[in-house]
Structure formats: structure tokens, C-alpha cells
Amino acid sequence: MDKNQILKRLTVLDFIAVDLQLYLDTHPEDMEAIDKYNSVIKEADMLRMKYEEIIGPLYSFRSSNKGDTFKWIETPWPWQQSANFQIEEDN
């Protein structure tokens, strides 16, 4: 997976996690939803680690100090075009 593929998948997984979390607020005993939520969180965490290994930290608070600078500052900022991806519709 390249950078954009990882970011797109993380966007999907984060949306699913929030949606499942809201559902579980009202259905806390739904074991199938709990299992799905845990699976989504695990996959998202693995993808974040993969992204951070290849590209760098996604968040400043997950950055490690390397000398006098933080690595996260070297990657594009959210308002820069190169930091964002286009969602293309599949035909």
C-alpha cells in the first residue's frame, strides 16, 4: 500500500469505529458489534504503525524526538495539497 491507500483505509476504519462506538452506546451487549469494533481498532492501529514506519507520524503527539527536530514537522501539513488525497468513485 502506498501513502494515499493507507490514508484512505484509515479514514474508512476511523469512520467505522466511530459509527460502531455510537451503536454500542445504545447496544452494549451486542457481541458481534463488539467483536467488529475490536477488529476495526486493531486493523487501524496496525495501519497507523505501518504508515509511521514508512512516512512518519500522523500526529505531533506520536512523534519521537530525533535530535533537535521532530519528524512530524517534515511531512506536509493538513492544509497543504500534498497532505490530502482525492476520494475517487469506483465505477
Protein backbone atom coordinates (compact mmCIF):
# COMPACT_ATOMS: atom_id res chain seq x y z
CA MET A 1 0.00 0.00 0.00
CA ASP A 2 1.17 3.49 -0.75
CA LYS A 3 0.63 6.59 1.39
CA ASN A 4 -2.74 7.52 -0.12
CA GLN A 5 -4.08 3.98 0.07
CA ILE A 6 -3.17 3.79 3.75
CA LEU A 7 -4.75 7.19 4.48
CA LYS A 8 -7.94 6.26 2.63
CA ARG A 9 -8.20 2.96 4.51
CA LEU A 10 -7.58 4.73 7.83
CA THR A 11 -10.33 7.21 7.00
CA VAL A 12 -12.74 4.34 6.39
CA LEU A 13 -11.68 2.46 9.51
CA ASP A 14 -11.95 5.54 11.71
CA PHE A 15 -15.44 6.23 10.38
CA ILE A 16 -16.49 2.64 11.05
CA ALA A 17 -15.02 2.79 14.56
CA VAL A 18 -16.94 5.96 15.43
CA ASP A 19 -20.14 4.54 13.96
CA LEU A 20 -19.77 1.29 15.90
CA GLN A 21 -18.94 3.20 19.06
CA LEU A 22 -22.18 5.18 18.75
CA TYR A 23 -24.12 1.98 18.12
CA LEU A 24 -22.52 0.29 21.12
CA ASP A 25 -23.53 3.22 23.33
CA THR A 26 -27.12 2.04 22.91
CA HIS A 27 -26.45 -1.69 22.36
CA PRO A 28 -23.63 -2.52 24.81
CA GLU A 29 -24.39 -6.24 24.85
CA ASP A 30 -24.16 -6.83 21.08
CA MET A 31 -21.17 -9.17 20.99
CA GLU A 32 -20.99 -9.20 17.20
CA ALA A 33 -20.66 -5.40 17.14
CA ILE A 34 -18.08 -5.50 19.95
CA ASP A 35 -16.02 -8.04 18.01
CA LYS A 36 -16.26 -5.94 14.84
CA TYR A 37 -15.28 -2.79 16.76
CA ASN A 38 -12.23 -4.51 18.26
CA SER A 39 -11.24 -5.84 14.83
CA VAL A 40 -11.53 -2.39 13.24
CA ILE A 41 -9.49 -0.76 16.01
CA LYS A 42 -6.78 -3.42 15.69
CA GLU A 43 -6.56 -3.01 11.90
CA ALA A 44 -6.44 0.79 12.21
CA ASP A 45 -3.66 0.61 14.81
CA MET A 46 -1.61 -1.71 12.57
CA LEU A 47 -2.07 0.62 9.59
CA ARG A 48 -1.06 3.66 11.68
CA MET A 49 2.10 1.87 12.75
CA LYS A 50 2.83 0.91 9.13
CA TYR A 51 2.26 4.49 7.95
CA GLU A 52 4.50 5.88 10.69
CA GLU A 53 7.27 3.42 9.82
CA ILE A 54 7.16 4.33 6.13
CA ILE A 55 6.21 8.02 6.06
CA GLY A 56 6.29 9.43 9.59
CA PRO A 57 3.96 10.29 12.45
CA LEU A 58 0.35 11.17 11.74
CA TYR A 59 0.09 13.29 14.89
CA SER A 60 2.55 15.54 16.66
CA PHE A 61 1.95 13.75 19.95
CA ARG A 62 3.09 10.45 18.41
CA SER A 63 6.33 11.95 17.13
CA SER A 64 9.65 10.91 18.56
CA ASN A 65 12.40 13.44 19.12
CA LYS A 66 15.33 12.96 16.75
CA GLY A 67 17.99 15.43 17.72
CA ASP A 68 16.72 18.98 17.73
CA THR A 69 13.69 18.43 15.48
CA PHE A 70 10.53 16.41 15.47
CA LYS A 71 9.96 14.22 12.43
CA TRP A 72 6.27 15.09 12.11
CA ILE A 73 7.14 18.65 11.10
CA GLU A 74 8.88 17.31 7.97
CA THR A 75 5.68 15.89 6.47
CA PRO A 76 3.04 18.02 4.69
CA TRP A 77 0.65 19.95 6.92
CA PRO A 78 -3.11 19.27 6.60
CA TRP A 79 -3.75 22.49 4.64
CA GLN A 80 -1.10 21.62 2.04
CA GLN A 81 -2.39 19.92 -1.10
CA SER A 82 0.15 17.09 -0.86
CA ALA A 83 -1.20 16.12 2.59
CA ASN A 84 -4.64 15.32 1.22
CA PHE A 85 -5.98 12.73 -1.12
CA GLN A 86 -8.86 12.69 -3.56
CA ILE A 87 -11.65 10.20 -3.00
CA GLU A 88 -12.44 8.73 -6.36
CA GLU A 89 -15.65 6.92 -7.05
CA ASP A 90 -15.31 3.37 -8.30
CA ASN A 91 -17.30 2.55 -11.42
